[in-house]
């Protein structure tokens, strides 16, 4: 297909989008442009149309009609578009641009779809995963950026823990006893051990006990 002809058909395709109808499916575009599906798919690849990263990538729009938020996401009636591309490209870009990396829960809030650990692990070649506090955090794969993000995340964790009140006396004792029994300060393991003795306690409360008694520092010195 000559280059000029492709450009002409791209123009026809773009003209199908308006302020009133900024989002269309490929079936909509076939009807509105009069172009057959296979030809339309080739033209879409030659255009700058953006594909939704949810709803099975069924929807298309043009950059001129997108109203991206500060994270580069446009949400139109639960149809989500990203200036970074598909979902994986978006997650990678957001992690690279973040100040302190993201947990999967934090990512889910930003991208407005569930991003569990198994989901993000598809990106293991593109992002760095490390446990910080009681959560796994995803950082940039770029070494210098990773170090800055990790430092910022650790500072956030320390600040958050410093504002936590200690749990009541009995549960504080339960945490300290469990640390002695397990000879460990692994928060999730401690929580499971305490639960077996019929104490309900959050990971944040366990972290508050560890921080209050400076147990991390003492273990590092031993």
C-alpha atoms as a PDB file:
ATOM      1  CA  UNK A   1       0.000   0.000   0.000  1.00  0.00           C
ATOM      2  CA  UNK A   2       1.581   3.376  -1.018  1.00  0.00           C
ATOM      3  CA  UNK A   3       2.570   5.661   1.860  1.00  0.00           C
ATOM      4  CA  UNK A   4       0.209   8.425   0.723  1.00  0.00           C
ATOM      5  CA  UNK A   5      -2.721   6.066   0.692  1.00  0.00           C
ATOM      6  CA  UNK A   6      -1.951   4.959   4.231  1.00  0.00           C
ATOM      7  CA  UNK A   7      -1.827   8.591   5.366  1.00  0.00           C
ATOM      8  CA  UNK A   8      -5.156   9.311   3.717  1.00  0.00           C
ATOM      9  CA  UNK A   9      -6.764   6.342   5.443  1.00  0.00           C
ATOM     10  CA  UNK A  10      -5.258   7.338   8.788  1.00  0.00           C
ATOM     11  CA  UNK A  11      -6.880  10.760   8.313  1.00  0.00           C
ATOM     12  CA  UNK A  12     -10.217   9.082   7.621  1.00  0.00           C
ATOM     13  CA  UNK A  13      -9.778   7.013  10.774  1.00  0.00           C
ATOM     14  CA  UNK A  14      -8.892  10.002  12.959  1.00  0.00           C
ATOM     15  CA  UNK A  15     -11.895  11.910  11.623  1.00  0.00           C
ATOM     16  CA  UNK A  16     -14.165   9.243  13.140  1.00  0.00           C
ATOM     17  CA  UNK A  17     -13.340  10.581  16.618  1.00  0.00           C
ATOM     18  CA  UNK A  18     -15.060  13.689  17.952  1.00  0.00           C
ATOM     19  CA  UNK A  19     -15.473  15.471  21.286  1.00  0.00           C
ATOM     20  CA  UNK A  20     -18.856  13.784  21.600  1.00  0.00           C
ATOM     21  CA  UNK A  21     -17.500  10.355  20.625  1.00  0.00           C
ATOM     22  CA  UNK A  22     -13.847  10.295  21.749  1.00  0.00           C
ATOM     23  CA  UNK A  23     -13.691   6.506  22.272  1.00  0.00           C
ATOM     24  CA  UNK A  24     -14.589   3.754  19.810  1.00  0.00           C
ATOM     25  CA  UNK A  25     -14.216   0.013  19.333  1.00  0.00           C
ATOM     26  CA  UNK A  26     -12.877  -1.527  16.144  1.00  0.00           C
ATOM     27  CA  UNK A  27     -16.462  -2.424  15.175  1.00  0.00           C
ATOM     28  CA  UNK A  28     -17.437   1.239  15.583  1.00  0.00           C
ATOM     29  CA  UNK A  29     -14.500   2.280  13.420  1.00  0.00           C
ATOM     30  CA  UNK A  30     -15.414  -0.233  10.709  1.00  0.00           C
ATOM     31  CA  UNK A  31     -18.927   1.230  10.500  1.00  0.00           C
ATOM     32  CA  UNK A  32     -17.841   4.868  10.682  1.00  0.00           C
ATOM     33  CA  UNK A  33     -14.877   4.623   8.305  1.00  0.00           C
ATOM     34  CA  UNK A  34     -16.177   2.016   5.875  1.00  0.00           C
ATOM     35  CA  UNK A  35     -12.826   0.208   6.081  1.00  0.00           C
ATOM     36  CA  UNK A  36     -12.603  -3.584   6.422  1.00  0.00           C
ATOM     37  CA  UNK A  37     -11.275  -5.101   9.655  1.00  0.00           C
ATOM     38  CA  UNK A  38      -7.897  -6.421   8.395  1.00  0.00           C
ATOM     39  CA  UNK A  39      -7.108  -3.181   6.583  1.00  0.00           C
ATOM     40  CA  UNK A  40      -8.277  -1.228   9.613  1.00  0.00           C
ATOM     41  CA  UNK A  41      -5.960  -3.189  11.902  1.00  0.00           C
ATOM     42  CA  UNK A  42      -2.997  -2.341   9.658  1.00  0.00           C
ATOM     43  CA  UNK A  43      -3.960   1.329   9.599  1.00  0.00           C
ATOM     44  CA  UNK A  44      -4.295   1.430  13.399  1.00  0.00           C
ATOM     45  CA  UNK A  45      -0.709   0.169  13.704  1.00  0.00           C
ATOM     46  CA  UNK A  46       0.412   3.052  11.459  1.00  0.00           C
ATOM     47  CA  UNK A  47      -1.512   5.633  13.488  1.00  0.00           C
ATOM     48  CA  UNK A  48      -0.994   7.179  16.918  1.00  0.00           C
ATOM     49  CA  UNK A  49      -4.281   5.830  18.310  1.00  0.00           C
ATOM     50  CA  UNK A  50      -4.149   4.798  21.959  1.00  0.00           C
ATOM     51  CA  UNK A  51      -5.613   1.475  23.097  1.00  0.00           C
ATOM     52  CA  UNK A  52      -7.344   1.052  26.446  1.00  0.00           C
ATOM     53  CA  UNK A  53      -5.273  -0.962  28.946  1.00  0.00           C
ATOM     54  CA  UNK A  54      -8.355  -2.499  30.531  1.00  0.00           C
ATOM     55  CA  UNK A  55     -11.612  -3.868  29.086  1.00  0.00           C
ATOM     56  CA  UNK A  56      -9.575  -6.353  26.993  1.00  0.00           C
ATOM     57  CA  UNK A  57      -7.973  -3.493  25.028  1.00  0.00           C
ATOM     58  CA  UNK A  58     -11.215  -3.108  23.085  1.00  0.00           C
ATOM     59  CA  UNK A  59     -11.303   0.678  22.935  1.00  0.00           C
ATOM     60  CA  UNK A  60      -9.357   3.251  20.942  1.00  0.00           C
ATOM     61  CA  UNK A  61      -8.956   6.993  21.208  1.00  0.00           C
ATOM     62  CA  UNK A  62      -6.697   9.735  19.874  1.00  0.00           C
ATOM     63  CA  UNK A  63      -4.173  11.665  21.997  1.00  0.00           C
ATOM     64  CA  UNK A  64      -5.921  14.949  21.159  1.00  0.00           C
ATOM     65  CA  UNK A  65      -9.023  13.897  23.114  1.00  0.00           C
ATOM     66  CA  UNK A  66      -7.243  12.435  26.143  1.00  0.00           C
ATOM     67  CA  UNK A  67      -7.372  14.257  29.457  1.00  0.00           C
ATOM     68  CA  UNK A  68      -4.538  12.567  31.347  1.00  0.00           C
ATOM     69  CA  UNK A  69      -4.172  13.059  35.094  1.00  0.00           C
ATOM     70  CA  UNK A  70      -0.802  13.714  36.744  1.00  0.00           C
ATOM     71  CA  UNK A  71      -0.028   9.982  36.586  1.00  0.00           C
ATOM     72  CA  UNK A  72      -0.631   9.891  32.827  1.00  0.00           C
ATOM     73  CA  UNK A  73      -3.967   8.044  33.145  1.00  0.00           C
ATOM     74  CA  UNK A  74      -7.278   8.998  31.530  1.00  0.00           C
ATOM     75  CA  UNK A  75     -10.409   7.400  32.961  1.00  0.00           C
ATOM     76  CA  UNK A  76     -13.480   7.782  30.759  1.00  0.00           C
ATOM     77  CA  UNK A  77     -16.428   5.947  32.291  1.00  0.00           C
ATOM     78  CA  UNK A  78     -14.139   3.181  33.586  1.00  0.00           C
ATOM     79  CA  UNK A  79     -12.355   2.857  30.224  1.00  0.00           C
ATOM     80  CA  UNK A  80      -8.685   3.475  31.022  1.00  0.00           C
ATOM     81  CA  UNK A  81      -6.001   4.887  28.751  1.00  0.00           C
ATOM     82  CA  UNK A  82      -2.353   5.619  29.487  1.00  0.00           C
ATOM     83  CA  UNK A  83       0.077   7.933  27.761  1.00  0.00           C
ATOM     84  CA  UNK A  84       2.729   5.262  28.398  1.00  0.00           C
ATOM     85  CA  UNK A  85       1.037   2.493  26.391  1.00  0.00           C
ATOM     86  CA  UNK A  86      -0.318  -0.860  27.571  1.00  0.00           C
ATOM     87  CA  UNK A  87      -0.695  -1.944  31.188  1.00  0.00           C
ATOM     88  CA  UNK A  88       2.813  -3.379  31.595  1.00  0.00           C
ATOM     89  CA  UNK A  89       4.418  -0.339  29.940  1.00  0.00           C
ATOM     90  CA  UNK A  90       2.372   1.889  32.234  1.00  0.00           C
ATOM     91  CA  UNK A  91       3.371   0.042  35.413  1.00  0.00           C
ATOM     92  CA  UNK A  92       7.050   0.145  34.428  1.00  0.00           C
ATOM     93  CA  UNK A  93       6.914   3.876  33.635  1.00  0.00           C
ATOM     94  CA  UNK A  94       5.096   4.713  36.873  1.00  0.00           C
ATOM     95  CA  UNK A  95       7.592   2.741  38.953  1.00  0.00           C
ATOM     96  CA  UNK A  96      10.513   4.468  37.209  1.00  0.00           C
ATOM     97  CA  UNK A  97       8.959   7.887  37.874  1.00  0.00           C
ATOM     98  CA  UNK A  98       7.992   7.211  41.487  1.00  0.00           C
ATOM     99  CA  UNK A  99       9.741   8.771  44.458  1.00  0.00           C
ATOM    100  CA  UNK A 100       9.768   5.622  46.584  1.00  0.00           C
ATOM    101  CA  UNK A 101       8.590   2.733  44.416  1.00  0.00           C
ATOM    102  CA  UNK A 102       5.147   1.168  44.755  1.00  0.00           C
ATOM    103  CA  UNK A 103       3.575  -1.748  46.547  1.00  0.00           C
ATOM    104  CA  UNK A 104       1.036  -3.695  44.486  1.00  0.00           C
ATOM    105  CA  UNK A 105      -1.750  -2.106  46.569  1.00  0.00           C
ATOM    106  CA  UNK A 106      -0.432   1.400  45.882  1.00  0.00           C
ATOM    107  CA  UNK A 107      -0.143   0.614  42.175  1.00  0.00           C
ATOM    108  CA  UNK A 108      -3.748  -0.594  42.104  1.00  0.00           C
ATOM    109  CA  UNK A 109      -4.910   2.788  43.375  1.00  0.00           C
ATOM    110  CA  UNK A 110      -2.893   4.683  40.753  1.00  0.00           C
ATOM    111  CA  UNK A 111      -3.775   2.577  37.708  1.00  0.00           C
ATOM    112  CA  UNK A 112      -7.351   1.908  38.890  1.00  0.00           C
ATOM    113  CA  UNK A 113      -7.196  -1.834  38.227  1.00  0.00           C
ATOM    114  CA  UNK A 114      -5.985  -4.622  40.484  1.00  0.00           C
ATOM    115  CA  UNK A 115      -2.232  -5.125  40.320  1.00  0.00           C
ATOM    116  CA  UNK A 116      -1.416  -8.077  42.571  1.00  0.00           C
ATOM    117  CA  UNK A 117       2.112  -9.396  43.128  1.00  0.00           C
ATOM    118  CA  UNK A 118       1.665 -12.202  40.579  1.00  0.00           C
ATOM    119  CA  UNK A 119       0.584  -9.609  38.010  1.00  0.00           C
ATOM    120  CA  UNK A 120       3.575  -7.327  38.571  1.00  0.00           C
ATOM    121  CA  UNK A 121       5.997 -10.253  38.621  1.00  0.00           C
ATOM    122  CA  UNK A 122       5.470 -10.534  34.859  1.00  0.00           C
ATOM    123  CA  UNK A 123       7.670  -7.439  34.815  1.00  0.00           C
ATOM    124  CA  UNK A 124      10.574  -8.982  36.732  1.00  0.00           C
ATOM    125  CA  UNK A 125      12.948  -8.138  33.878  1.00  0.00           C
ATOM    126  CA  UNK A 126      11.854  -4.490  34.003  1.00  0.00           C
ATOM    127  CA  UNK A 127      11.453  -3.755  37.730  1.00  0.00           C
ATOM    128  CA  UNK A 128      13.218  -4.613  40.971  1.00  0.00           C
ATOM    129  CA  UNK A 129      11.218  -6.286  43.765  1.00  0.00           C
ATOM    130  CA  UNK A 130      12.358  -6.032  47.359  1.00  0.00           C
ATOM    131  CA  UNK A 131      10.730  -6.506  50.739  1.00  0.00           C
ATOM    132  CA  UNK A 132      10.668  -3.336  52.807  1.00  0.00           C
ATOM    133  CA  UNK A 133       9.014  -3.496  56.215  1.00  0.00           C
ATOM    134  CA  UNK A 134       6.118  -5.930  55.926  1.00  0.00           C
ATOM    135  CA  UNK A 135       5.449  -5.343  52.208  1.00  0.00           C
ATOM    136  CA  UNK A 136       7.047  -6.155  48.889  1.00  0.00           C
ATOM    137  CA  UNK A 137       7.862  -2.955  47.026  1.00  0.00           C
ATOM    138  CA  UNK A 138       8.591  -2.570  43.318  1.00  0.00           C
ATOM    139  CA  UNK A 139      11.436  -0.240  42.400  1.00  0.00           C
ATOM    140  CA  UNK A 140      13.134   0.907  39.222  1.00  0.00           C
ATOM    141  CA  UNK A 141      15.602  -1.461  37.584  1.00  0.00           C
ATOM    142  CA  UNK A 142      17.961   1.502  37.078  1.00  0.00           C
ATOM    143  CA  UNK A 143      20.564   1.150  39.834  1.00  0.00           C
ATOM    144  CA  UNK A 144      20.950   4.829  40.802  1.00  0.00           C
ATOM    145  CA  UNK A 145      17.202   5.392  40.778  1.00  0.00           C
ATOM    146  CA  UNK A 146      16.619   2.186  42.732  1.00  0.00           C
ATOM    147  CA  UNK A 147      18.958   3.366  45.516  1.00  0.00           C
ATOM    148  CA  UNK A 148      17.187   6.733  45.779  1.00  0.00           C
ATOM    149  CA  UNK A 149      13.770   5.110  45.803  1.00  0.00           C
ATOM    150  CA  UNK A 150      14.779   2.526  48.414  1.00  0.00           C
ATOM    151  CA  UNK A 151      16.202   5.233  50.682  1.00  0.00           C
ATOM    152  CA  UNK A 152      12.999   7.273  50.345  1.00  0.00           C
ATOM    153  CA  UNK A 153      10.835   4.208  51.049  1.00  0.00           C
ATOM    154  CA  UNK A 154      12.807   3.294  54.168  1.00  0.00           C
ATOM    155  CA  UNK A 155      12.435   6.863  55.418  1.00  0.00           C
ATOM    156  CA  UNK A 156       8.688   6.709  54.804  1.00  0.00           C
ATOM    157  CA  UNK A 157       8.482   3.431  56.702  1.00  0.00           C
ATOM    158  CA  UNK A 158      10.421   4.829  59.661  1.00  0.00           C
ATOM    159  CA  UNK A 159       8.237   7.937  59.753  1.00  0.00           C
ATOM    160  CA  UNK A 160       5.037   5.898  59.573  1.00  0.00           C
ATOM    161  CA  UNK A 161       6.137   3.501  62.322  1.00  0.00           C
ATOM    162  CA  UNK A 162       7.210   6.402  64.552  1.00  0.00           C
ATOM    163  CA  UNK A 163       3.637   7.708  64.565  1.00  0.00           C
ATOM    164  CA  UNK A 164       2.134   4.362  65.576  1.00  0.00           C
ATOM    165  CA  UNK A 165       1.021   3.796  69.131  1.00  0.00           C
ATOM    166  CA  UNK A 166       2.199   0.635  70.816  1.00  0.00           C
ATOM    167  CA  UNK A 167      -0.429  -2.094  71.180  1.00  0.00           C
ATOM    168  CA  UNK A 168      -1.797  -2.762  74.664  1.00  0.00           C
ATOM    169  CA  UNK A 169       0.429  -4.312  77.321  1.00  0.00           C
ATOM    170  CA  UNK A 170      -0.633  -7.926  76.798  1.00  0.00           C
ATOM    171  CA  UNK A 171      -0.176  -7.850  73.032  1.00  0.00           C
ATOM    172  CA  UNK A 172       3.165  -6.058  73.344  1.00  0.00           C
ATOM    173  CA  UNK A 173       4.331  -8.851  75.639  1.00  0.00           C
ATOM    174  CA  UNK A 174       2.985 -11.399  73.135  1.00  0.00           C
ATOM    175  CA  UNK A 175       5.121  -9.831  70.395  1.00  0.00           C
ATOM    176  CA  UNK A 176       8.266  -9.827  72.550  1.00  0.00           C
ATOM    177  CA  UNK A 177       7.698 -13.438  73.631  1.00  0.00           C
ATOM    178  CA  UNK A 178       7.176 -14.512  70.017  1.00  0.00           C
ATOM    179  CA  UNK A 179      10.404 -12.772  68.958  1.00  0.00           C
ATOM    180  CA  UNK A 180      12.261 -14.755  71.627  1.00  0.00           C
ATOM    181  CA  UNK A 181      10.597 -18.031  70.634  1.00  0.00           C
ATOM    182  CA  UNK A 182      11.278 -17.576  66.923  1.00  0.00           C
ATOM    183  CA  UNK A 183      14.588 -15.750  67.326  1.00  0.00           C
ATOM    184  CA  UNK A 184      13.375 -13.611  64.454  1.00  0.00           C
ATOM    185  CA  UNK A 185      11.845 -10.211  63.744  1.00  0.00           C
ATOM    186  CA  UNK A 186      10.176 -11.271  60.474  1.00  0.00           C
ATOM    187  CA  UNK A 187       6.854  -9.459  60.896  1.00  0.00           C
ATOM    188  CA  UNK A 188       4.557 -11.819  58.987  1.00  0.00           C
ATOM    189  CA  UNK A 189       5.968 -14.909  60.718  1.00  0.00           C
ATOM    190  CA  UNK A 190       5.561 -13.232  64.095  1.00  0.00           C
ATOM    191  CA  UNK A 191       1.962 -12.374  63.291  1.00  0.00           C
ATOM    192  CA  UNK A 192       1.196 -16.004  62.404  1.00  0.00           C
ATOM    193  CA  UNK A 193       2.842 -17.277  65.591  1.00  0.00           C
ATOM    194  CA  UNK A 194       0.936 -14.801  67.764  1.00  0.00           C
ATOM    195  CA  UNK A 195      -2.340 -15.708  66.040  1.00  0.00           C
ATOM    196  CA  UNK A 196      -1.829 -19.355  67.047  1.00  0.00           C
ATOM    197  CA  UNK A 197      -2.013 -18.169  70.655  1.00  0.00           C
ATOM    198  CA  UNK A 198      -5.345 -16.422  70.026  1.00  0.00           C
ATOM    199  CA  UNK A 199      -3.998 -12.871  69.873  1.00  0.00           C
ATOM    200  CA  UNK A 200      -5.131 -10.627  67.046  1.00  0.00           C
ATOM    201  CA  UNK A 201      -2.492  -8.079  66.089  1.00  0.00           C
ATOM    202  CA  UNK A 202      -1.670  -6.121  62.933  1.00  0.00           C
ATOM    203  CA  UNK A 203       1.702  -6.084  61.181  1.00  0.00           C
ATOM    204  CA  UNK A 204       1.844  -2.323  61.855  1.00  0.00           C
ATOM    205  CA  UNK A 205       1.545  -2.941  65.609  1.00  0.00           C
ATOM    206  CA  UNK A 206       4.312  -5.550  65.478  1.00  0.00           C
ATOM    207  CA  UNK A 207       6.519  -3.082  63.592  1.00  0.00           C
ATOM    208  CA  UNK A 208       5.751  -0.458  66.253  1.00  0.00           C
ATOM    209  CA  UNK A 209       6.999  -2.817  68.987  1.00  0.00           C
ATOM    210  CA  UNK A 210      10.157  -3.662  67.020  1.00  0.00           C
ATOM    211  CA  UNK A 211      10.838   0.025  66.374  1.00  0.00           C
ATOM    212  CA  UNK A 212      10.051   1.127  69.946  1.00  0.00           C
ATOM    213  CA  UNK A 213      12.513  -1.341  71.463  1.00  0.00           C
ATOM    214  CA  UNK A 214      15.034  -0.763  68.628  1.00  0.00           C
ATOM    215  CA  UNK A 215      15.246  -4.493  68.032  1.00  0.00           C
ATOM    216  CA  UNK A 216      16.559  -4.133  64.494  1.00  0.00           C
ATOM    217  CA  UNK A 217      19.568  -2.178  65.719  1.00  0.00           C
ATOM    218  CA  UNK A 218      20.226  -4.621  68.553  1.00  0.00           C
ATOM    219  CA  UNK A 219      20.102  -7.627  66.220  1.00  0.00           C
ATOM    220  CA  UNK A 220      22.447  -5.914  63.776  1.00  0.00           C
ATOM    221  CA  UNK A 221      24.988  -5.378  66.546  1.00  0.00           C
ATOM    222  CA  UNK A 222      24.813  -8.986  67.778  1.00  0.00           C
END
